Protein backbone atom coordinates (compact mmCIF):
# COMPACT_ATOMS: atom_id res chain seq x y z
CA MET A 1 23.51 121.39 -48.70
CA LEU A 2 26.50 122.89 -50.29
CA THR A 3 26.67 126.83 -49.71
CA LEU A 4 28.89 128.45 -51.98
CA THR A 5 29.75 132.23 -51.37
CA ILE A 6 31.02 134.24 -54.40
CA GLN A 7 33.39 137.10 -53.74
CA LYS A 8 35.71 139.67 -55.56
CA ASP A 9 38.32 141.37 -53.38
CA ALA A 10 36.35 140.10 -50.19
CA VAL A 11 32.95 141.74 -51.37
CA PRO A 12 29.77 139.44 -51.81
CA GLN A 13 28.64 139.34 -55.51
CA ASN A 14 25.02 139.61 -56.09
CA GLY A 15 23.43 138.59 -59.11
CA VAL A 16 26.13 136.16 -60.31
CA SER A 17 25.23 132.69 -62.39
CA VAL A 18 26.60 129.78 -60.57
CA SER A 19 26.36 126.12 -62.09
CA VAL A 20 27.58 123.12 -60.41
CA ARG A 21 28.83 120.22 -62.67
CA SER A 22 29.89 116.59 -62.61
CA GLU A 23 31.15 114.61 -65.30
CA GLY A 24 30.01 117.22 -67.76
CA LYS A 25 26.34 116.99 -66.48
CA VAL A 26 24.94 120.05 -64.89
CA LEU A 27 23.53 119.17 -61.32
CA GLY A 28 22.29 122.71 -60.36
CA ASN A 29 22.11 126.46 -61.24
CA ASP A 30 21.66 129.25 -59.03
CA ILE A 31 21.85 133.02 -58.94
CA THR A 32 23.56 134.43 -55.96
CA THR A 33 21.62 136.44 -53.24
CA GLU A 34 22.83 139.92 -51.89
CA GLU A 35 25.05 138.22 -49.71
CA GLY A 36 26.88 136.56 -52.48
CA THR A 37 25.51 133.13 -51.57
CA ALA A 38 24.32 130.20 -53.94
CA SER A 39 22.97 126.80 -52.35
CA PHE A 40 22.84 123.34 -54.07
CA LYS A 41 21.42 119.89 -52.58
CA LEU A 42 24.34 117.41 -53.75
CA MET A 43 25.79 114.31 -52.66
CA TYR A 44 29.44 114.51 -51.20
CA GLY A 45 32.00 114.45 -53.76
CA LYS A 46 34.37 116.52 -56.29
CA TYR A 47 32.62 119.13 -58.53
CA ASN A 48 33.22 121.88 -61.21
CA CYS A 49 31.70 125.11 -60.24
CA ILE A 50 31.38 127.49 -63.12
CA VAL A 51 30.62 131.06 -62.17
CA LYS A 52 29.51 133.88 -64.74
CA ASP A 53 29.99 137.25 -63.35
CA ARG A 54 27.93 140.34 -64.52
CA SER A 55 30.49 141.08 -67.11
CA GLN A 56 30.09 137.55 -68.78
CA ASN A 57 33.60 136.40 -67.44
CA ILE A 58 33.67 132.72 -66.32
CA THR A 59 35.67 131.36 -63.87
CA THR A 60 35.92 127.65 -63.14
CA PHE A 61 36.59 126.27 -59.72
CA TYR A 62 37.17 122.52 -58.76
CA ILE A 63 35.48 121.95 -55.32
CA THR A 64 35.02 119.12 -53.04
CA PHE A 65 32.22 118.71 -51.00
CA ASP A 66 32.00 116.83 -47.69
CA ASP A 67 30.97 117.00 -44.06
CA LEU A 68 34.12 119.58 -43.62
CA HIS A 69 33.48 121.60 -46.60
CA SER A 70 30.00 122.62 -46.63
CA LYS A 71 30.50 126.36 -46.97
CA ILE A 72 33.15 127.29 -49.52
CA ILE A 73 34.09 130.87 -50.10
CA LEU A 74 35.05 131.42 -54.07
CA ASP A 75 37.12 134.46 -54.84
CA LEU A 76 36.84 135.38 -58.59
CA ASN A 77 40.16 137.04 -58.36
CA ALA A 78 41.88 133.84 -57.26
CA LYS A 79 43.62 131.88 -60.06
CA ALA A 80 41.01 129.94 -62.56
CA LEU A 81 40.79 126.36 -62.17
CA LEU A 82 41.62 126.69 -58.54
CA ASP A 83 41.37 123.49 -56.29
CA ILE A 84 39.37 124.40 -53.09
């Protein structure tokens, strides 16, 4: 289970759309909770994470999900296309 926490200036973002993709295929979509979290059942690997905030701004992150990286914090103020 991969848990992503979406933040902006260290503040959890509620109601943000999160999509996880691999090789152009959408593997999951979720909306963040009040704690800013979204969860996905995925195999270990590398994924594109597309986050659309309430202003419809889209940020893409490249993430690696493995036993050391099952809970990842993504900050919307970080550089787009960031390797996590």
